[in-house]
Amino acid sequence: MGDNEVTDKHGNVIHPGDYVGTRIRGGTHEGYVKEIVTDRQRAEEVDVKHPPKVRFQNKDGKMVAHNPGTLEIDDTQ
Protein backbone atom coordinates (compact mmCIF):
# COMPACT_ATOMS: atom_id res chain seq x y z
CA MET A 1 0.00 0.00 0.00
CA GLY A 2 1.36 3.42 -0.94
CA ASP A 3 1.62 6.38 1.39
CA ASN A 4 -1.58 8.03 0.16
CA GLU A 5 -3.67 4.89 -0.36
CA VAL A 6 -6.56 4.26 1.99
CA THR A 7 -8.55 1.06 2.30
CA ASP A 8 -12.13 0.15 3.11
CA LYS A 9 -13.06 -2.13 5.99
CA HIS A 10 -12.23 -5.18 3.87
CA GLY A 11 -8.76 -3.97 2.91
CA ASN A 12 -9.68 -2.87 -0.65
CA VAL A 13 -7.92 0.29 -1.85
CA ILE A 14 -10.39 3.19 -2.30
CA HIS A 15 -10.00 5.39 -5.38
CA PRO A 16 -11.82 8.54 -6.53
CA GLY A 17 -14.85 7.42 -8.54
CA ASP A 18 -15.46 4.25 -6.50
CA TYR A 19 -18.99 3.78 -5.17
CA VAL A 20 -18.82 3.43 -1.38
CA GLY A 21 -21.28 3.16 1.45
CA THR A 22 -21.62 2.79 5.18
CA ARG A 23 -24.46 2.25 7.61
CA ILE A 24 -25.18 5.22 9.82
CA ARG A 25 -28.00 5.95 12.28
CA GLY A 26 -30.34 3.29 10.90
CA GLY A 27 -29.76 4.33 7.30
CA THR A 28 -26.86 4.52 4.90
CA HIS A 29 -24.51 7.06 3.43
CA GLU A 30 -23.44 6.07 -0.04
CA GLY A 31 -22.11 7.72 -3.15
CA TYR A 32 -19.22 8.08 -5.55
CA VAL A 33 -15.89 9.10 -4.02
CA LYS A 34 -15.04 12.68 -4.98
CA GLU A 35 -11.87 13.06 -2.95
CA ILE A 36 -9.63 11.31 -0.46
CA VAL A 37 -8.25 13.82 2.04
CA THR A 38 -4.89 12.68 3.40
CA ASP A 39 -3.13 15.86 4.51
CA ARG A 40 -3.97 18.39 7.20
CA GLN A 41 -3.81 21.43 4.91
CA ARG A 42 -6.47 20.05 2.57
CA ALA A 43 -8.50 18.86 5.56
CA GLU A 44 -8.60 22.40 6.90
CA GLU A 45 -9.62 23.77 3.48
CA VAL A 46 -12.66 21.46 3.28
CA ASP A 47 -13.42 21.52 7.05
CA VAL A 48 -12.60 17.86 7.67
CA LYS A 49 -11.10 16.70 10.95
CA HIS A 50 -8.58 13.90 11.52
CA PRO A 51 -7.52 12.78 8.03
CA PRO A 52 -7.54 10.49 6.21
CA LYS A 53 -11.18 10.92 5.22
CA VAL A 54 -13.10 9.86 2.14
CA ARG A 55 -15.43 12.58 0.82
CA PHE A 56 -18.46 11.84 -1.31
CA GLN A 57 -21.87 13.29 -2.09
CA ASN A 58 -24.64 11.27 -0.45
CA LYS A 59 -28.08 10.60 -1.95
CA ASP A 60 -29.40 13.84 -0.40
CA GLY A 61 -26.77 15.88 -2.24
CA LYS A 62 -24.74 16.64 0.90
CA MET A 63 -20.96 16.23 0.93
CA VAL A 64 -19.99 13.83 3.71
CA ALA A 65 -16.62 12.63 4.97
CA HIS A 66 -16.04 9.24 6.56
CA ASN A 67 -13.13 7.29 7.94
CA PRO A 68 -12.07 4.89 5.20
CA GLY A 69 -12.19 1.90 7.56
CA THR A 70 -15.95 2.33 8.03
CA LEU A 71 -16.71 2.18 4.30
CA GLU A 72 -17.35 -0.67 1.87
CA ILE A 73 -16.73 -0.45 -1.87
CA ASP A 74 -19.78 -1.51 -3.88
CA ASP A 75 -18.58 -3.01 -7.16
CA THR A 76 -22.13 -3.47 -8.47
CA GLN A 77 -22.69 0.25 -9.08
PDB file of N, CA and C in Angstrom:
ATOM      1  N   MET A   1       0.858  -1.188   0.000  1.00  0.00           N
ATOM      2  CA  MET A   1       0.000   0.000   0.000  1.00  0.00           C
ATOM      3  C   MET A   1       0.886   1.227   0.000  1.00  0.00           C
ATOM      4  N   GLY A   2       0.588   2.188  -0.873  1.00  0.00           N
ATOM      5  CA  GLY A   2       1.359   3.418  -0.943  1.00  0.00           C
ATOM      6  C   GLY A   2       1.020   4.363   0.189  1.00  0.00           C
ATOM      7  N   ASP A   3       1.808   5.437   0.294  1.00  0.00           N
ATOM      8  CA  ASP A   3       1.625   6.381   1.393  1.00  0.00           C
ATOM      9  C   ASP A   3       0.247   7.037   1.396  1.00  0.00           C
ATOM     10  N   ASN A   4      -0.313   7.313   0.223  1.00  0.00           N
ATOM     11  CA  ASN A   4      -1.580   8.026   0.157  1.00  0.00           C
ATOM     12  C   ASN A   4      -2.767   7.117  -0.119  1.00  0.00           C
ATOM     13  N   GLU A   5      -2.561   5.798  -0.112  1.00  0.00           N
ATOM     14  CA  GLU A   5      -3.668   4.886  -0.360  1.00  0.00           C
ATOM     15  C   GLU A   5      -4.412   4.612   0.943  1.00  0.00           C
ATOM     16  N   VAL A   6      -5.723   4.605   0.846  1.00  0.00           N
ATOM     17  CA  VAL A   6      -6.556   4.265   1.989  1.00  0.00           C
ATOM     18  C   VAL A   6      -7.413   3.072   1.592  1.00  0.00           C
ATOM     19  N   THR A   7      -7.795   2.283   2.579  1.00  0.00           N
ATOM     20  CA  THR A   7      -8.547   1.065   2.302  1.00  0.00           C
ATOM     21  C   THR A   7      -9.876   1.050   3.042  1.00  0.00           C
ATOM     22  N   ASP A   8     -10.833   0.319   2.462  1.00  0.00           N
ATOM     23  CA  ASP A   8     -12.132   0.151   3.108  1.00  0.00           C
ATOM     24  C   ASP A   8     -12.009  -0.892   4.217  1.00  0.00           C
ATOM     25  N   LYS A   9     -13.122  -1.232   4.835  1.00  0.00           N
ATOM     26  CA  LYS A   9     -13.064  -2.129   5.992  1.00  0.00           C
ATOM     27  C   LYS A   9     -12.692  -3.560   5.635  1.00  0.00           C
ATOM     28  N   HIS A  10     -12.635  -3.858   4.332  1.00  0.00           N
ATOM     29  CA  HIS A  10     -12.227  -5.185   3.873  1.00  0.00           C
ATOM     30  C   HIS A  10     -10.812  -5.191   3.317  1.00  0.00           C
ATOM     31  N   GLY A  11     -10.126  -4.044   3.387  1.00  0.00           N
ATOM     32  CA  GLY A  11      -8.757  -3.967   2.909  1.00  0.00           C
ATOM     33  C   GLY A  11      -8.613  -3.606   1.441  1.00  0.00           C
ATOM     34  N   ASN A  12      -9.722  -3.277   0.756  1.00  0.00           N
ATOM     35  CA  ASN A  12      -9.680  -2.871  -0.647  1.00  0.00           C
ATOM     36  C   ASN A  12      -9.277  -1.410  -0.752  1.00  0.00           C
ATOM     37  N   VAL A  13      -8.372  -1.092  -1.665  1.00  0.00           N
ATOM     38  CA  VAL A  13      -7.921   0.287  -1.850  1.00  0.00           C
ATOM     39  C   VAL A  13      -9.062   1.110  -2.443  1.00  0.00           C
ATOM     40  N   ILE A  14      -9.335   2.276  -1.847  1.00  0.00           N
ATOM     41  CA  ILE A  14     -10.391   3.186  -2.304  1.00  0.00           C
ATOM     42  C   ILE A  14      -9.773   4.210  -3.242  1.00  0.00           C
ATOM     43  N   HIS A  15     -10.443   4.415  -4.388  1.00  0.00           N
ATOM     44  CA  HIS A  15      -9.998   5.390  -5.380  1.00  0.00           C
ATOM     45  C   HIS A  15     -11.124   6.386  -5.657  1.00  0.00           C
ATOM     46  N   PRO A  16     -10.784   7.615  -6.076  1.00  0.00           N
ATOM     47  CA  PRO A  16     -11.824   8.539  -6.527  1.00  0.00           C
ATOM     48  C   PRO A  16     -12.641   7.870  -7.640  1.00  0.00           C
ATOM     49  N   GLY A  17     -13.953   8.027  -7.568  1.00  0.00           N
ATOM     50  CA  GLY A  17     -14.849   7.421  -8.542  1.00  0.00           C
ATOM     51  C   GLY A  17     -15.463   6.117  -8.074  1.00  0.00           C
ATOM     52  N   ASP A  18     -14.878   5.470  -7.047  1.00  0.00           N
ATOM     53  CA  ASP A  18     -15.462   4.248  -6.498  1.00  0.00           C
ATOM     54  C   ASP A  18     -16.789   4.579  -5.832  1.00  0.00           C
ATOM     55  N   TYR A  19     -17.722   3.630  -5.868  1.00  0.00           N
ATOM     56  CA  TYR A  19     -18.994   3.782  -5.168  1.00  0.00           C
ATOM     57  C   TYR A  19     -18.835   3.131  -3.801  1.00  0.00           C
ATOM     58  N   VAL A  20     -19.010   3.916  -2.742  1.00  0.00           N
ATOM     59  CA  VAL A  20     -18.817   3.426  -1.380  1.00  0.00           C
ATOM     60  C   VAL A  20     -20.057   3.678  -0.546  1.00  0.00           C
ATOM     61  N   GLY A  21     -20.160   2.953   0.546  1.00  0.00           N
ATOM     62  CA  GLY A  21     -21.281   3.156   1.445  1.00  0.00           C
ATOM     63  C   GLY A  21     -20.955   2.699   2.842  1.00  0.00           C
ATOM     64  N   THR A  22     -21.739   3.196   3.791  1.00  0.00           N
ATOM     65  CA  THR A  22     -21.623   2.789   5.183  1.00  0.00           C
ATOM     66  C   THR A  22     -22.979   2.945   5.852  1.00  0.00           C
ATOM     67  N   ARG A  23     -23.222   2.114   6.826  1.00  0.00           N
ATOM     68  CA  ARG A  23     -24.458   2.250   7.611  1.00  0.00           C
ATOM     69  C   ARG A  23     -24.243   3.331   8.648  1.00  0.00           C
ATOM     70  N   ILE A  24     -25.261   4.157   8.825  1.00  0.00           N
ATOM     71  CA  ILE A  24     -25.176   5.220   9.817  1.00  0.00           C
ATOM     72  C   ILE A  24     -26.582   5.562  10.311  1.00  0.00           C
ATOM     73  N   ARG A  25     -26.740   5.568  11.619  1.00  0.00           N
ATOM     74  CA  ARG A  25     -28.005   5.953  12.275  1.00  0.00           C
ATOM     75  C   ARG A  25     -29.235   5.294  11.647  1.00  0.00           C
ATOM     76  N   GLY A  26     -29.186   4.005  11.427  1.00  0.00           N
ATOM     77  CA  GLY A  26     -30.342   3.295  10.903  1.00  0.00           C
ATOM     78  C   GLY A  26     -30.533   3.427   9.406  1.00  0.00           C
ATOM     79  N   GLY A  27     -29.676   4.168   8.743  1.00  0.00           N
ATOM     80  CA  GLY A  27     -29.761   4.328   7.298  1.00  0.00           C
ATOM     81  C   GLY A  27     -28.405   4.062   6.685  1.00  0.00           C
ATOM     82  N   THR A  28     -28.168   4.667   5.541  1.00  0.00           N
ATOM     83  CA  THR A  28     -26.865   4.516   4.900  1.00  0.00           C
ATOM     84  C   THR A  28     -26.419   5.840   4.304  1.00  0.00           C
ATOM     85  N   HIS A  29     -25.121   6.013   4.231  1.00  0.00           N
ATOM     86  CA  HIS A  29     -24.506   7.065   3.432  1.00  0.00           C
ATOM     87  C   HIS A  29     -23.810   6.330   2.313  1.00  0.00           C
ATOM     88  N   GLU A  30     -24.097   6.697   1.082  1.00  0.00           N
ATOM     89  CA  GLU A  30     -23.442   6.066  -0.045  1.00  0.00           C
ATOM     90  C   GLU A  30     -23.325   7.048  -1.187  1.00  0.00           C
ATOM     91  N   GLY A  31     -22.314   6.850  -2.004  1.00  0.00           N
ATOM     92  CA  GLY A  31     -22.105   7.717  -3.148  1.00  0.00           C
ATOM     93  C   GLY A  31     -20.751   7.463  -3.782  1.00  0.00           C
ATOM     94  N   TYR A  32     -20.474   8.217  -4.831  1.00  0.00           N
ATOM     95  CA  TYR A  32     -19.215   8.083  -5.546  1.00  0.00           C
ATOM     96  C   TYR A  32     -18.151   8.963  -4.903  1.00  0.00           C
ATOM     97  N   VAL A  33     -16.981   8.396  -4.671  1.00  0.00           N
ATOM     98  CA  VAL A  33     -15.891   9.102  -4.020  1.00  0.00           C
ATOM     99  C   VAL A  33     -15.459  10.284  -4.880  1.00  0.00           C
ATOM    100  N   LYS A  34     -15.495  11.471  -4.304  1.00  0.00           N
ATOM    101  CA  LYS A  34     -15.042  12.683  -4.982  1.00  0.00           C
ATOM    102  C   LYS A  34     -13.588  12.970  -4.661  1.00  0.00           C
ATOM    103  N   GLU A  35     -13.199  12.667  -3.411  1.00  0.00           N
ATOM    104  CA  GLU A  35     -11.868  13.055  -2.950  1.00  0.00           C
ATOM    105  C   GLU A  35     -11.477  12.221  -1.742  1.00  0.00           C
ATOM    106  N   ILE A  36     -10.184  11.952  -1.645  1.00  0.00           N
ATOM    107  CA  ILE A  36      -9.630  11.311  -0.465  1.00  0.00           C
ATOM    108  C   ILE A  36      -8.677  12.321   0.166  1.00  0.00           C
ATOM    109  N   VAL A  37      -9.031  12.786   1.344  1.00  0.00           N
ATOM    110  CA  VAL A  37      -8.253  13.816   2.037  1.00  0.00           C
ATOM    111  C   VAL A  37      -7.227  13.117   2.924  1.00  0.00           C
ATOM    112  N   THR A  38      -5.943  13.355   2.636  1.00  0.00           N
ATOM    113  CA  THR A  38      -4.894  12.683   3.401  1.00  0.00           C
ATOM    114  C   THR A  38      -3.981  13.638   4.153  1.00  0.00           C
ATOM    115  N   ASP A  39      -4.031  14.936   3.820  1.00  0.00           N
ATOM    116  CA  ASP A  39      -3.130  15.861   4.515  1.00  0.00           C
ATOM    117  C   ASP A  39      -3.918  16.922   5.276  1.00  0.00           C
ATOM    118  N   ARG A  40      -3.297  17.436   6.308  1.00  0.00           N
ATOM    119  CA  ARG A  40      -3.970  18.392   7.199  1.00  0.00           C
ATOM    120  C   ARG A  40      -4.338  19.697   6.507  1.00  0.00           C
ATOM    121  N   GLN A  41      -3.504  20.172   5.598  1.00  0.00           N
ATOM    122  CA  GLN A  41      -3.810  21.429   4.915  1.00  0.00           C
ATOM    123  C   GLN A  41      -5.107  21.313   4.117  1.00  0.00           C
ATOM    124  N   ARG A  42      -5.243  20.245   3.335  1.00  0.00           N
ATOM    125  CA  ARG A  42      -6.474  20.051   2.567  1.00  0.00           C
ATOM    126  C   ARG A  42      -7.657  19.816   3.509  1.00  0.00           C
ATOM    127  N   ALA A  43      -7.434  19.106   4.590  1.00  0.00           N
ATOM    128  CA  ALA A  43      -8.503  18.859   5.558  1.00  0.00           C
ATOM    129  C   ALA A  43      -9.049  20.170   6.104  1.00  0.00           C
ATOM    130  N   GLU A  44      -8.155  21.107   6.410  1.00  0.00           N
ATOM    131  CA  GLU A  44      -8.601  22.403   6.900  1.00  0.00           C
ATOM    132  C   GLU A  44      -9.380  23.164   5.825  1.00  0.00           C
ATOM    133  N   GLU A  45      -8.946  23.070   4.572  1.00  0.00           N
ATOM    134  CA  GLU A  45      -9.618  23.771   3.476  1.00  0.00           C
ATOM    135  C   GLU A  45     -11.059  23.303   3.301  1.00  0.00           C
ATOM    136  N   VAL A  46     -11.311  22.011   3.497  1.00  0.00           N
ATOM    137  CA  VAL A  46     -12.660  21.464   3.281  1.00  0.00           C
ATOM    138  C   VAL A  46     -13.378  21.148   4.600  1.00  0.00           C
ATOM    139  N   ASP A  47     -12.816  21.661   5.720  1.00  0.00           N
ATOM    140  CA  ASP A  47     -13.416  21.517   7.045  1.00  0.00           C
ATOM    141  C   ASP A  47     -13.649  20.056   7.425  1.00  0.00           C
ATOM    142  N   VAL A  48     -12.578  19.265   7.295  1.00  0.00           N
ATOM    143  CA  VAL A  48     -12.597  17.856   7.666  1.00  0.00           C
ATOM    144  C   VAL A  48     -11.598  17.671   8.800  1.00  0.00           C
ATOM    145  N   LYS A  49     -11.988  16.933   9.808  1.00  0.00           N
ATOM    146  CA  LYS A  49     -11.100  16.701  10.946  1.00  0.00           C
ATOM    147  C   LYS A  49     -10.498  15.306  10.870  1.00  0.00           C
ATOM    148  N   HIS A  50      -9.275  15.184  11.352  1.00  0.00           N
ATOM    149  CA  HIS A  50      -8.580  13.902  11.515  1.00  0.00           C
ATOM    150  C   HIS A  50      -8.474  13.085  10.229  1.00  0.00           C
ATOM    151  N   PRO A  51      -7.705  13.578   9.243  1.00  0.00           N
ATOM    152  CA  PRO A  51      -7.516  12.782   8.025  1.00  0.00           C
ATOM    153  C   PRO A  51      -6.801  11.471   8.353  1.00  0.00           C
ATOM    154  N   PRO A  52      -6.921  10.445   7.536  1.00  0.00           N
ATOM    155  CA  PRO A  52      -7.539  10.489   6.208  1.00  0.00           C
ATOM    156  C   PRO A  52      -9.057  10.354   6.293  1.00  0.00           C
ATOM    157  N   LYS A  53      -9.727  10.997   5.366  1.00  0.00           N
ATOM    158  CA  LYS A  53     -11.178  10.918   5.218  1.00  0.00           C
ATOM    159  C   LYS A  53     -11.511  10.739   3.741  1.00  0.00           C
ATOM    160  N   VAL A  54     -12.589  10.040   3.494  1.00  0.00           N
ATOM    161  CA  VAL A  54     -13.098   9.859   2.138  1.00  0.00           C
ATOM    162  C   VAL A  54     -14.325  10.745   2.011  1.00  0.00           C
ATOM    163  N   ARG A  55     -14.304  11.658   1.029  1.00  0.00           N
ATOM    164  CA  ARG A  55     -15.425  12.582   0.821  1.00  0.00           C
ATOM    165  C   ARG A  55     -16.242  12.135  -0.379  1.00  0.00           C
ATOM    166  N   PHE A  56     -17.559  12.152  -0.202  1.00  0.00           N
ATOM    167  CA  PHE A  56     -18.463  11.843  -1.307  1.00  0.00           C
ATOM    168  C   PHE A  56     -19.796  12.530  -1.080  1.00  0.00           C
ATOM    169  N   GLN A  57     -20.556  12.664  -2.152  1.00  0.00           N
ATOM    170  CA  GLN A  57     -21.868  13.290  -2.086  1.00  0.00           C
ATOM    171  C   GLN A  57     -22.895  12.188  -1.845  1.00  0.00           C
ATOM    172  N   ASN A  58     -23.662  12.315  -0.759  1.00  0.00           N
ATOM    173  CA  ASN A  58     -24.640  11.274  -0.453  1.00  0.00           C
ATOM    174  C   ASN A  58     -25.902  11.464  -1.292  1.00  0.00           C
ATOM    175  N   LYS A  59     -26.868  10.578  -1.119  1.00  0.00           N
ATOM    176  CA  LYS A  59     -28.076  10.599  -1.950  1.00  0.00           C
ATOM    177  C   LYS A  59     -28.920  11.851  -1.742  1.00  0.00           C
ATOM    178  N   ASP A  60     -28.685  12.583  -0.643  1.00  0.00           N
ATOM    179  CA  ASP A  60     -29.405  13.836  -0.396  1.00  0.00           C
ATOM    180  C   ASP A  60     -28.671  15.043  -0.974  1.00  0.00           C
ATOM    181  N   GLY A  61     -27.533  14.797  -1.625  1.00  0.00           N
ATOM    182  CA  GLY A  61     -26.772  15.876  -2.237  1.00  0.00           C
ATOM    183  C   GLY A  61     -25.799  16.561  -1.295  1.00  0.00           C
ATOM    184  N   LYS A  62     -25.638  16.039  -0.089  1.00  0.00           N
ATOM    185  CA  LYS A  62     -24.744  16.636   0.897  1.00  0.00           C
ATOM    186  C   LYS A  62     -23.376  15.972   0.816  1.00  0.00           C
ATOM    187  N   MET A  63     -22.317  16.784   0.885  1.00  0.00           N
ATOM    188  CA  MET A  63     -20.963  16.234   0.934  1.00  0.00           C
ATOM    189  C   MET A  63     -20.715  15.701   2.340  1.00  0.00           C
ATOM    190  N   VAL A  64     -20.289  14.457   2.427  1.00  0.00           N
ATOM    191  CA  VAL A  64     -19.993  13.831   3.708  1.00  0.00           C
ATOM    192  C   VAL A  64     -18.564  13.302   3.674  1.00  0.00           C
ATOM    193  N   ALA A  65     -17.979  13.160   4.843  1.00  0.00           N
ATOM    194  CA  ALA A  65     -16.621  12.632   4.966  1.00  0.00           C
ATOM    195  C   ALA A  65     -16.638  11.523   6.013  1.00  0.00           C
ATOM    196  N   HIS A  66     -16.057  10.389   5.652  1.00  0.00           N
ATOM    197  CA  HIS A  66     -16.036   9.244   6.561  1.00  0.00           C
ATOM    198  C   HIS A  66     -14.631   8.684   6.667  1.00  0.00           C
ATOM    199  N   ASN A  67     -14.368   8.033   7.791  1.00  0.00           N
ATOM    200  CA  ASN A  67     -13.126   7.292   7.939  1.00  0.00           C
ATOM    201  C   ASN A  67     -13.152   6.145   6.929  1.00  0.00           C
ATOM    202  N   PRO A  68     -12.068   5.934   6.212  1.00  0.00           N
ATOM    203  CA  PRO A  68     -12.070   4.886   5.197  1.00  0.00           C
ATOM    204  C   PRO A  68     -12.383   3.501   5.749  1.00  0.00           C
ATOM    205  N   GLY A  69     -11.965   3.213   6.972  1.00  0.00           N
ATOM    206  CA  GLY A  69     -12.194   1.899   7.559  1.00  0.00           C
ATOM    207  C   GLY A  69     -13.634   1.581   7.885  1.00  0.00           C
ATOM    208  N   THR A  70     -14.525   2.566   7.781  1.00  0.00           N
ATOM    209  CA  THR A  70     -15.950   2.329   8.027  1.00  0.00           C
ATOM    210  C   THR A  70     -16.712   2.073   6.732  1.00  0.00           C
ATOM    211  N   LEU A  71     -16.052   2.261   5.596  1.00  0.00           N
ATOM    212  CA  LEU A  71     -16.706   2.175   4.299  1.00  0.00           C
ATOM    213  C   LEU A  71     -16.536   0.811   3.651  1.00  0.00           C
ATOM    214  N   GLU A  72     -17.450   0.515   2.722  1.00  0.00           N
ATOM    215  CA  GLU A  72     -17.350  -0.668   1.872  1.00  0.00           C
ATOM    216  C   GLU A  72     -17.483  -0.215   0.433  1.00  0.00           C
ATOM    217  N   ILE A  73     -16.621  -0.738  -0.442  1.00  0.00           N
ATOM    218  CA  ILE A  73     -16.730  -0.453  -1.867  1.00  0.00           C
ATOM    219  C   ILE A  73     -17.826  -1.345  -2.435  1.00  0.00           C
ATOM    220  N   ASP A  74     -18.723  -0.767  -3.227  1.00  0.00           N
ATOM    221  CA  ASP A  74     -19.785  -1.512  -3.884  1.00  0.00           C
ATOM    222  C   ASP A  74     -19.443  -1.624  -5.363  1.00  0.00           C
ATOM    223  N   ASP A  75     -18.991  -2.789  -5.777  1.00  0.00           N
ATOM    224  CA  ASP A  75     -18.580  -3.008  -7.165  1.00  0.00           C
ATOM    225  C   ASP A  75     -19.744  -3.173  -8.115  1.00  0.00           C
ATOM    226  N   THR A  76     -20.983  -3.255  -7.599  1.00  0.00           N
ATOM    227  CA  THR A  76     -22.131  -3.474  -8.468  1.00  0.00           C
ATOM    228  C   THR A  76     -22.670  -2.181  -9.060  1.00  0.00           C
ATOM    229  N   GLN A  77     -22.189  -1.036  -8.604  1.00  0.00           N
ATOM    230  CA  GLN A  77     -22.685   0.253  -9.083  1.00  0.00           C
ATOM    231  C   GLN A  77     -21.975   0.677 -10.333  1.00  0.00           C
TER     232      GLN A  77
END
